[in-house]
């Protein structure tokens, strides 16, 4: 397994850039009521409300210094409606607040998260960067002009799916499949090997077990990091990548 090592400052910087691009897409005339093809049932305005409300929830909970589970996220009655242009000003305010909050948040501060990993605030620097990047792409899709995820961030988006979302059981489809998948971000020169065991998943540090023919089902996917990240998030089809083997195994890796 390999992983792009990003820092708090890098995550905040990418959050800032992707949120600005999301806001620019949503701010186009008449776009708030437009559907988001990659988020069925949502309008662009609802996407804006979703992202802004997550910012507010993280700001209210991630800095408490405790690992107890916080109250569930809710969109309060003071948040403008999705079709109201005021939702954009509200988003601007939430964005400014979350950036200030995350810049001042110690990554080592104890903080709850939903994943089977260290309960530290740095989880939320990373999570907000990827949440924003994926939904920036969604918003841009609605206006017909998507930009790829920045390459190094996309490498970490892939890693977050594999080391955080899947071990937490947050698959899009709970497929009872068994086998080995090898995925490669060719532009980064990085690769990951994943063993699926029904509901279980393991990231392999070496290819040693690939020499064992006891795993009949295998699949590979290779391409640029952005396309691979978007495929794992169900935003693009696997055929944008160079794939081989049992595509069901690839489908079992999808989240979102």
C-alpha atoms as a PDB file:
ATOM      1  CA  UNK A   1       0.000   0.000   0.000  1.00  0.00           C
ATOM      2  CA  UNK A   2       1.161   3.535  -0.700  1.00  0.00           C
ATOM      3  CA  UNK A   3      -0.224   6.860   0.372  1.00  0.00           C
ATOM      4  CA  UNK A   4       0.291  10.506  -0.427  1.00  0.00           C
ATOM      5  CA  UNK A   5       1.293  12.224   2.808  1.00  0.00           C
ATOM      6  CA  UNK A   6      -0.461  15.576   3.038  1.00  0.00           C
ATOM      7  CA  UNK A   7      -0.307  18.051   5.889  1.00  0.00           C
ATOM      8  CA  UNK A   8      -2.842  20.173   7.714  1.00  0.00           C
ATOM      9  CA  UNK A   9      -1.773  23.209   5.681  1.00  0.00           C
ATOM     10  CA  UNK A  10      -2.139  21.303   2.404  1.00  0.00           C
ATOM     11  CA  UNK A  11      -5.610  20.091   3.291  1.00  0.00           C
ATOM     12  CA  UNK A  12      -6.748  23.579   4.295  1.00  0.00           C
ATOM     13  CA  UNK A  13      -5.265  25.048   1.108  1.00  0.00           C
ATOM     14  CA  UNK A  14      -7.092  22.563  -1.116  1.00  0.00           C
ATOM     15  CA  UNK A  15     -10.300  23.094   0.852  1.00  0.00           C
ATOM     16  CA  UNK A  16     -10.018  26.814   0.236  1.00  0.00           C
ATOM     17  CA  UNK A  17      -9.457  26.366  -3.513  1.00  0.00           C
ATOM     18  CA  UNK A  18     -12.155  23.742  -4.083  1.00  0.00           C
ATOM     19  CA  UNK A  19     -14.735  25.612  -1.999  1.00  0.00           C
ATOM     20  CA  UNK A  20     -14.110  28.737  -4.065  1.00  0.00           C
ATOM     21  CA  UNK A  21     -14.642  26.728  -7.252  1.00  0.00           C
ATOM     22  CA  UNK A  22     -17.829  25.156  -5.833  1.00  0.00           C
ATOM     23  CA  UNK A  23     -19.103  28.613  -4.941  1.00  0.00           C
ATOM     24  CA  UNK A  24     -18.282  29.943  -8.399  1.00  0.00           C
ATOM     25  CA  UNK A  25     -20.227  27.135 -10.071  1.00  0.00           C
ATOM     26  CA  UNK A  26     -23.219  27.532  -7.756  1.00  0.00           C
ATOM     27  CA  UNK A  27     -23.203  31.303  -8.265  1.00  0.00           C
ATOM     28  CA  UNK A  28     -24.019  31.079 -11.959  1.00  0.00           C
ATOM     29  CA  UNK A  29     -27.343  32.660 -12.871  1.00  0.00           C
ATOM     30  CA  UNK A  30     -30.271  30.295 -12.297  1.00  0.00           C
ATOM     31  CA  UNK A  31     -28.106  27.337 -11.244  1.00  0.00           C
ATOM     32  CA  UNK A  32     -29.411  26.858  -7.693  1.00  0.00           C
ATOM     33  CA  UNK A  33     -32.497  24.997  -8.937  1.00  0.00           C
ATOM     34  CA  UNK A  34     -30.537  22.872 -11.421  1.00  0.00           C
ATOM     35  CA  UNK A  35     -30.258  19.137 -10.685  1.00  0.00           C
ATOM     36  CA  UNK A  36     -26.959  17.595  -9.677  1.00  0.00           C
ATOM     37  CA  UNK A  37     -26.596  14.531 -11.951  1.00  0.00           C
ATOM     38  CA  UNK A  38     -24.078  12.843  -9.652  1.00  0.00           C
ATOM     39  CA  UNK A  39     -26.296  13.344  -6.569  1.00  0.00           C
ATOM     40  CA  UNK A  40     -29.747  12.151  -7.676  1.00  0.00           C
ATOM     41  CA  UNK A  41     -32.579  14.112  -6.084  1.00  0.00           C
ATOM     42  CA  UNK A  42     -30.424  17.092  -5.145  1.00  0.00           C
ATOM     43  CA  UNK A  43     -30.393  20.550  -6.643  1.00  0.00           C
ATOM     44  CA  UNK A  44     -27.279  22.717  -6.637  1.00  0.00           C
ATOM     45  CA  UNK A  45     -28.812  24.760  -3.832  1.00  0.00           C
ATOM     46  CA  UNK A  46     -29.316  21.620  -1.761  1.00  0.00           C
ATOM     47  CA  UNK A  47     -25.697  20.680  -2.415  1.00  0.00           C
ATOM     48  CA  UNK A  48     -24.605  24.095  -1.146  1.00  0.00           C
ATOM     49  CA  UNK A  49     -26.740  23.668   1.989  1.00  0.00           C
ATOM     50  CA  UNK A  50     -25.296  20.196   2.560  1.00  0.00           C
ATOM     51  CA  UNK A  51     -21.661  21.288   2.360  1.00  0.00           C
ATOM     52  CA  UNK A  52     -22.194  24.452   4.399  1.00  0.00           C
ATOM     53  CA  UNK A  53     -24.032  22.539   7.118  1.00  0.00           C
ATOM     54  CA  UNK A  54     -21.182  20.039   7.377  1.00  0.00           C
ATOM     55  CA  UNK A  55     -18.779  22.945   7.836  1.00  0.00           C
ATOM     56  CA  UNK A  56     -20.933  24.277  10.660  1.00  0.00           C
ATOM     57  CA  UNK A  57     -21.238  20.868  12.321  1.00  0.00           C
ATOM     58  CA  UNK A  58     -17.490  20.220  12.213  1.00  0.00           C
ATOM     59  CA  UNK A  59     -16.791  23.663  13.591  1.00  0.00           C
ATOM     60  CA  UNK A  60     -19.190  23.024  16.484  1.00  0.00           C
ATOM     61  CA  UNK A  61     -17.918  19.551  17.346  1.00  0.00           C
ATOM     62  CA  UNK A  62     -14.324  18.851  16.266  1.00  0.00           C
ATOM     63  CA  UNK A  63     -12.690  21.280  18.682  1.00  0.00           C
ATOM     64  CA  UNK A  64     -14.295  20.016  21.896  1.00  0.00           C
ATOM     65  CA  UNK A  65     -11.177  18.102  22.973  1.00  0.00           C
ATOM     66  CA  UNK A  66     -13.150  14.912  23.699  1.00  0.00           C
ATOM     67  CA  UNK A  67     -13.811  11.729  21.756  1.00  0.00           C
ATOM     68  CA  UNK A  68     -17.459  11.308  22.773  1.00  0.00           C
ATOM     69  CA  UNK A  69     -19.857  11.064  19.833  1.00  0.00           C
ATOM     70  CA  UNK A  70     -21.469  14.483  19.193  1.00  0.00           C
ATOM     71  CA  UNK A  71     -25.126  15.144  18.310  1.00  0.00           C
ATOM     72  CA  UNK A  72     -26.166  14.307  14.762  1.00  0.00           C
ATOM     73  CA  UNK A  73     -25.835  16.998  12.130  1.00  0.00           C
ATOM     74  CA  UNK A  74     -28.989  18.945  11.327  1.00  0.00           C
ATOM     75  CA  UNK A  75     -29.736  21.844   8.999  1.00  0.00           C
ATOM     76  CA  UNK A  76     -31.130  24.564  11.225  1.00  0.00           C
ATOM     77  CA  UNK A  77     -34.199  26.695  10.505  1.00  0.00           C
ATOM     78  CA  UNK A  78     -32.021  29.777  10.034  1.00  0.00           C
ATOM     79  CA  UNK A  79     -30.379  28.334   6.914  1.00  0.00           C
ATOM     80  CA  UNK A  80     -31.820  29.864   3.707  1.00  0.00           C
ATOM     81  CA  UNK A  81     -33.815  27.606   1.413  1.00  0.00           C
ATOM     82  CA  UNK A  82     -31.973  25.883  -1.408  1.00  0.00           C
ATOM     83  CA  UNK A  83     -33.594  28.050  -4.088  1.00  0.00           C
ATOM     84  CA  UNK A  84     -32.963  31.317  -2.216  1.00  0.00           C
ATOM     85  CA  UNK A  85     -29.931  33.260  -3.484  1.00  0.00           C
ATOM     86  CA  UNK A  86     -29.203  34.116   0.163  1.00  0.00           C
ATOM     87  CA  UNK A  87     -27.931  30.549   0.580  1.00  0.00           C
ATOM     88  CA  UNK A  88     -24.788  31.640  -1.264  1.00  0.00           C
ATOM     89  CA  UNK A  89     -24.035  34.396   1.253  1.00  0.00           C
ATOM     90  CA  UNK A  90     -24.688  31.906   4.037  1.00  0.00           C
ATOM     91  CA  UNK A  91     -22.231  29.481   2.417  1.00  0.00           C
ATOM     92  CA  UNK A  92     -19.618  32.238   2.147  1.00  0.00           C
ATOM     93  CA  UNK A  93     -19.927  32.889   5.870  1.00  0.00           C
ATOM     94  CA  UNK A  94     -19.714  29.190   6.775  1.00  0.00           C
ATOM     95  CA  UNK A  95     -16.679  28.769   4.538  1.00  0.00           C
ATOM     96  CA  UNK A  96     -14.842  31.682   6.151  1.00  0.00           C
ATOM     97  CA  UNK A  97     -15.596  30.268   9.596  1.00  0.00           C
ATOM     98  CA  UNK A  98     -14.487  26.704   8.830  1.00  0.00           C
ATOM     99  CA  UNK A  99     -11.231  27.919   7.271  1.00  0.00           C
ATOM    100  CA  UNK A 100     -10.410  29.991  10.346  1.00  0.00           C
ATOM    101  CA  UNK A 101     -11.405  27.119  12.608  1.00  0.00           C
ATOM    102  CA  UNK A 102      -9.337  24.475  10.827  1.00  0.00           C
ATOM    103  CA  UNK A 103      -6.304  26.747  10.548  1.00  0.00           C
ATOM    104  CA  UNK A 104      -6.317  27.106  14.327  1.00  0.00           C
ATOM    105  CA  UNK A 105      -7.212  23.491  15.144  1.00  0.00           C
ATOM    106  CA  UNK A 106      -4.406  21.315  16.512  1.00  0.00           C
ATOM    107  CA  UNK A 107      -4.446  18.051  14.494  1.00  0.00           C
ATOM    108  CA  UNK A 108      -3.435  16.121  17.627  1.00  0.00           C
ATOM    109  CA  UNK A 109      -6.358  17.386  19.721  1.00  0.00           C
ATOM    110  CA  UNK A 110      -8.630  14.512  20.831  1.00  0.00           C
ATOM    111  CA  UNK A 111     -11.718  14.469  18.616  1.00  0.00           C
ATOM    112  CA  UNK A 112     -14.429  11.982  17.723  1.00  0.00           C
ATOM    113  CA  UNK A 113     -14.617  10.473  14.269  1.00  0.00           C
ATOM    114  CA  UNK A 114     -16.627   7.627  12.772  1.00  0.00           C
ATOM    115  CA  UNK A 115     -13.664   5.622  11.452  1.00  0.00           C
ATOM    116  CA  UNK A 116     -11.639   2.827  13.086  1.00  0.00           C
ATOM    117  CA  UNK A 117      -8.558   5.013  13.524  1.00  0.00           C
ATOM    118  CA  UNK A 118      -7.007   7.483  15.927  1.00  0.00           C
ATOM    119  CA  UNK A 119      -9.558   9.880  17.421  1.00  0.00           C
ATOM    120  CA  UNK A 120      -7.744  13.093  16.603  1.00  0.00           C
ATOM    121  CA  UNK A 121      -8.832  16.369  15.057  1.00  0.00           C
ATOM    122  CA  UNK A 122      -6.561  15.901  12.051  1.00  0.00           C
ATOM    123  CA  UNK A 123      -9.198  13.510  10.710  1.00  0.00           C
ATOM    124  CA  UNK A 124     -11.423  16.530  10.061  1.00  0.00           C
ATOM    125  CA  UNK A 125      -8.794  18.575   8.205  1.00  0.00           C
ATOM    126  CA  UNK A 126      -8.480  15.661   5.796  1.00  0.00           C
ATOM    127  CA  UNK A 127     -12.190  14.864   5.644  1.00  0.00           C
ATOM    128  CA  UNK A 128     -13.263  18.442   4.881  1.00  0.00           C
ATOM    129  CA  UNK A 129     -10.721  18.703   2.060  1.00  0.00           C
ATOM    130  CA  UNK A 130     -12.078  15.594   0.362  1.00  0.00           C
ATOM    131  CA  UNK A 131     -15.733  16.367   1.068  1.00  0.00           C
ATOM    132  CA  UNK A 132     -15.258  19.720  -0.619  1.00  0.00           C
ATOM    133  CA  UNK A 133     -13.294  18.379  -3.591  1.00  0.00           C
ATOM    134  CA  UNK A 134     -15.917  15.759  -4.465  1.00  0.00           C
ATOM    135  CA  UNK A 135     -18.830  18.175  -4.101  1.00  0.00           C
ATOM    136  CA  UNK A 136     -16.953  20.856  -6.036  1.00  0.00           C
ATOM    137  CA  UNK A 137     -16.859  18.366  -8.904  1.00  0.00           C
ATOM    138  CA  UNK A 138     -20.598  17.709  -8.430  1.00  0.00           C
ATOM    139  CA  UNK A 139     -21.404  21.416  -8.603  1.00  0.00           C
ATOM    140  CA  UNK A 140     -19.262  21.887 -11.699  1.00  0.00           C
ATOM    141  CA  UNK A 141     -20.927  18.915 -13.379  1.00  0.00           C
ATOM    142  CA  UNK A 142     -24.234  20.732 -13.014  1.00  0.00           C
ATOM    143  CA  UNK A 143     -22.920  23.605 -15.134  1.00  0.00           C
ATOM    144  CA  UNK A 144     -21.162  21.315 -17.615  1.00  0.00           C
ATOM    145  CA  UNK A 145     -17.566  22.173 -16.824  1.00  0.00           C
ATOM    146  CA  UNK A 146     -15.786  19.808 -14.457  1.00  0.00           C
ATOM    147  CA  UNK A 147     -12.145  20.067 -13.467  1.00  0.00           C
ATOM    148  CA  UNK A 148     -10.128  17.089 -12.203  1.00  0.00           C
ATOM    149  CA  UNK A 149      -9.221  16.761  -8.556  1.00  0.00           C
ATOM    150  CA  UNK A 150      -5.727  18.117  -7.943  1.00  0.00           C
ATOM    151  CA  UNK A 151      -3.339  15.206  -8.411  1.00  0.00           C
ATOM    152  CA  UNK A 152      -1.772  14.935  -4.951  1.00  0.00           C
ATOM    153  CA  UNK A 153      -5.113  15.502  -3.261  1.00  0.00           C
ATOM    154  CA  UNK A 154      -6.682  12.836  -5.502  1.00  0.00           C
ATOM    155  CA  UNK A 155      -4.043  10.371  -4.349  1.00  0.00           C
ATOM    156  CA  UNK A 156      -5.109  11.024  -0.781  1.00  0.00           C
ATOM    157  CA  UNK A 157      -8.789  10.828  -1.796  1.00  0.00           C
ATOM    158  CA  UNK A 158      -8.081   7.297  -2.995  1.00  0.00           C
ATOM    159  CA  UNK A 159      -6.232   6.504   0.214  1.00  0.00           C
ATOM    160  CA  UNK A 160      -9.069   7.905   2.341  1.00  0.00           C
ATOM    161  CA  UNK A 161     -11.585   5.609   0.644  1.00  0.00           C
ATOM    162  CA  UNK A 162      -9.367   2.601   1.279  1.00  0.00           C
ATOM    163  CA  UNK A 163      -8.070   3.358   4.785  1.00  0.00           C
ATOM    164  CA  UNK A 164     -11.100   5.139   6.234  1.00  0.00           C
ATOM    165  CA  UNK A 165     -14.418   4.652   4.430  1.00  0.00           C
ATOM    166  CA  UNK A 166     -14.186   0.972   3.587  1.00  0.00           C
ATOM    167  CA  UNK A 167     -12.815  -0.173   6.982  1.00  0.00           C
ATOM    168  CA  UNK A 168     -15.693   1.778   8.556  1.00  0.00           C
ATOM    169  CA  UNK A 169     -18.170  -0.282   6.507  1.00  0.00           C
ATOM    170  CA  UNK A 170     -19.316   2.725   4.471  1.00  0.00           C
ATOM    171  CA  UNK A 171     -19.630   1.044   1.110  1.00  0.00           C
ATOM    172  CA  UNK A 172     -22.178   2.199  -1.424  1.00  0.00           C
ATOM    173  CA  UNK A 173     -23.263  -1.403  -1.940  1.00  0.00           C
ATOM    174  CA  UNK A 174     -22.708  -4.201   0.546  1.00  0.00           C
ATOM    175  CA  UNK A 175     -21.610  -6.795  -2.006  1.00  0.00           C
ATOM    176  CA  UNK A 176     -20.630 -10.210  -0.656  1.00  0.00           C
ATOM    177  CA  UNK A 177     -17.560 -10.632  -2.822  1.00  0.00           C
ATOM    178  CA  UNK A 178     -14.146 -12.131  -2.230  1.00  0.00           C
ATOM    179  CA  UNK A 179     -10.964 -11.405  -4.120  1.00  0.00           C
ATOM    180  CA  UNK A 180      -8.013  -9.106  -4.652  1.00  0.00           C
ATOM    181  CA  UNK A 181      -8.015  -5.725  -6.357  1.00  0.00           C
ATOM    182  CA  UNK A 182      -4.953  -3.790  -7.477  1.00  0.00           C
ATOM    183  CA  UNK A 183      -5.444  -0.090  -8.270  1.00  0.00           C
ATOM    184  CA  UNK A 184      -2.803   2.254  -9.662  1.00  0.00           C
ATOM    185  CA  UNK A 185      -2.652   6.047  -9.902  1.00  0.00           C
ATOM    186  CA  UNK A 186      -0.246   6.124 -12.822  1.00  0.00           C
ATOM    187  CA  UNK A 187       0.435   9.865 -12.709  1.00  0.00           C
ATOM    188  CA  UNK A 188       1.545   9.592  -9.084  1.00  0.00           C
ATOM    189  CA  UNK A 189       3.353   6.284  -9.437  1.00  0.00           C
ATOM    190  CA  UNK A 190       1.316   4.997  -6.515  1.00  0.00           C
ATOM    191  CA  UNK A 191      -0.570   1.747  -6.105  1.00  0.00           C
ATOM    192  CA  UNK A 192      -2.756  -0.035  -3.603  1.00  0.00           C
ATOM    193  CA  UNK A 193      -3.652  -3.709  -3.186  1.00  0.00           C
ATOM    194  CA  UNK A 194      -6.922  -4.559  -1.475  1.00  0.00           C
ATOM    195  CA  UNK A 195      -8.268  -7.931  -0.372  1.00  0.00           C
ATOM    196  CA  UNK A 196     -12.045  -8.184  -0.074  1.00  0.00           C
ATOM    197  CA  UNK A 197     -13.571 -10.824   2.187  1.00  0.00           C
ATOM    198  CA  UNK A 198     -17.300 -10.243   2.073  1.00  0.00           C
ATOM    199  CA  UNK A 199     -17.923  -7.382   4.473  1.00  0.00           C
ATOM    200  CA  UNK A 200     -14.247  -7.307   5.409  1.00  0.00           C
ATOM    201  CA  UNK A 201     -11.359  -5.489   3.759  1.00  0.00           C
ATOM    202  CA  UNK A 202      -7.605  -5.553   4.169  1.00  0.00           C
ATOM    203  CA  UNK A 203      -4.970  -3.309   2.624  1.00  0.00           C
ATOM    204  CA  UNK A 204      -1.899  -5.311   1.668  1.00  0.00           C
ATOM    205  CA  UNK A 205       1.559  -3.805   2.036  1.00  0.00           C
ATOM    206  CA  UNK A 206       3.164  -6.097  -0.532  1.00  0.00           C
ATOM    207  CA  UNK A 207       2.135  -8.145  -3.553  1.00  0.00           C
ATOM    208  CA  UNK A 208       3.278 -11.386  -1.927  1.00  0.00           C
ATOM    209  CA  UNK A 209      -0.226 -12.814  -1.666  1.00  0.00           C
ATOM    210  CA  UNK A 210      -0.894 -12.150  -5.338  1.00  0.00           C
ATOM    211  CA  UNK A 211       1.363 -15.100  -6.107  1.00  0.00           C
ATOM    212  CA  UNK A 212      -1.085 -17.372  -4.288  1.00  0.00           C
ATOM    213  CA  UNK A 213      -3.698 -18.838  -6.656  1.00  0.00           C
ATOM    214  CA  UNK A 214      -6.114 -19.484  -3.785  1.00  0.00           C
ATOM    215  CA  UNK A 215      -7.860 -16.175  -4.624  1.00  0.00           C
ATOM    216  CA  UNK A 216      -9.663 -16.854  -7.931  1.00  0.00           C
ATOM    217  CA  UNK A 217     -11.331 -13.447  -8.260  1.00  0.00           C
ATOM    218  CA  UNK A 218      -9.078 -10.527  -9.126  1.00  0.00           C
ATOM    219  CA  UNK A 219      -9.381  -7.113 -10.722  1.00  0.00           C
ATOM    220  CA  UNK A 220      -7.116  -4.229 -11.665  1.00  0.00           C
ATOM    221  CA  UNK A 221      -7.768  -0.557 -12.416  1.00  0.00           C
ATOM    222  CA  UNK A 222      -5.189   1.950 -13.595  1.00  0.00           C
ATOM    223  CA  UNK A 223      -5.389   5.588 -14.658  1.00  0.00           C
ATOM    224  CA  UNK A 224      -4.827   9.091 -13.407  1.00  0.00           C
ATOM    225  CA  UNK A 225      -5.440   9.763  -9.728  1.00  0.00           C
ATOM    226  CA  UNK A 226      -8.423  12.048 -10.270  1.00  0.00           C
ATOM    227  CA  UNK A 227     -10.308   9.542 -12.424  1.00  0.00           C
ATOM    228  CA  UNK A 228      -9.554   6.744  -9.970  1.00  0.00           C
ATOM    229  CA  UNK A 229     -10.750   8.845  -7.026  1.00  0.00           C
ATOM    230  CA  UNK A 230     -13.933   9.847  -8.856  1.00  0.00           C
ATOM    231  CA  UNK A 231     -14.605   6.232  -9.831  1.00  0.00           C
ATOM    232  CA  UNK A 232     -14.273   5.113  -6.213  1.00  0.00           C
ATOM    233  CA  UNK A 233     -16.773   7.826  -5.295  1.00  0.00           C
ATOM    234  CA  UNK A 234     -19.177   6.659  -8.019  1.00  0.00           C
ATOM    235  CA  UNK A 235     -18.855   9.900  -9.978  1.00  0.00           C
ATOM    236  CA  UNK A 236     -17.493   8.353 -13.179  1.00  0.00           C
ATOM    237  CA  UNK A 237     -17.705   4.882 -14.670  1.00  0.00           C
ATOM    238  CA  UNK A 238     -14.865   2.430 -14.266  1.00  0.00           C
ATOM    239  CA  UNK A 239     -14.393   2.392 -18.042  1.00  0.00           C
ATOM    240  CA  UNK A 240     -12.608   5.765 -17.885  1.00  0.00           C
ATOM    241  CA  UNK A 241      -9.748   3.698 -16.460  1.00  0.00           C
ATOM    242  CA  UNK A 242      -7.775   0.778 -17.819  1.00  0.00           C
ATOM    243  CA  UNK A 243      -9.518  -2.112 -16.084  1.00  0.00           C
ATOM    244  CA  UNK A 244      -9.278  -5.896 -16.186  1.00  0.00           C
ATOM    245  CA  UNK A 245     -10.744  -8.814 -14.303  1.00  0.00           C
ATOM    246  CA  UNK A 246     -13.939  -9.046 -12.260  1.00  0.00           C
ATOM    247  CA  UNK A 247     -15.564  -5.590 -12.283  1.00  0.00           C
ATOM    248  CA  UNK A 248     -17.808  -6.634  -9.378  1.00  0.00           C
ATOM    249  CA  UNK A 249     -14.746  -6.355  -7.156  1.00  0.00           C
ATOM    250  CA  UNK A 250     -14.245  -2.761  -8.291  1.00  0.00           C
ATOM    251  CA  UNK A 251     -17.905  -1.955  -7.668  1.00  0.00           C
ATOM    252  CA  UNK A 252     -17.503  -3.282  -4.118  1.00  0.00           C
ATOM    253  CA  UNK A 253     -14.942  -0.544  -3.437  1.00  0.00           C
ATOM    254  CA  UNK A 254     -17.316   2.322  -4.161  1.00  0.00           C
ATOM    255  CA  UNK A 255     -18.441   4.704  -1.462  1.00  0.00           C
ATOM    256  CA  UNK A 256     -20.650   7.798  -1.330  1.00  0.00           C
END
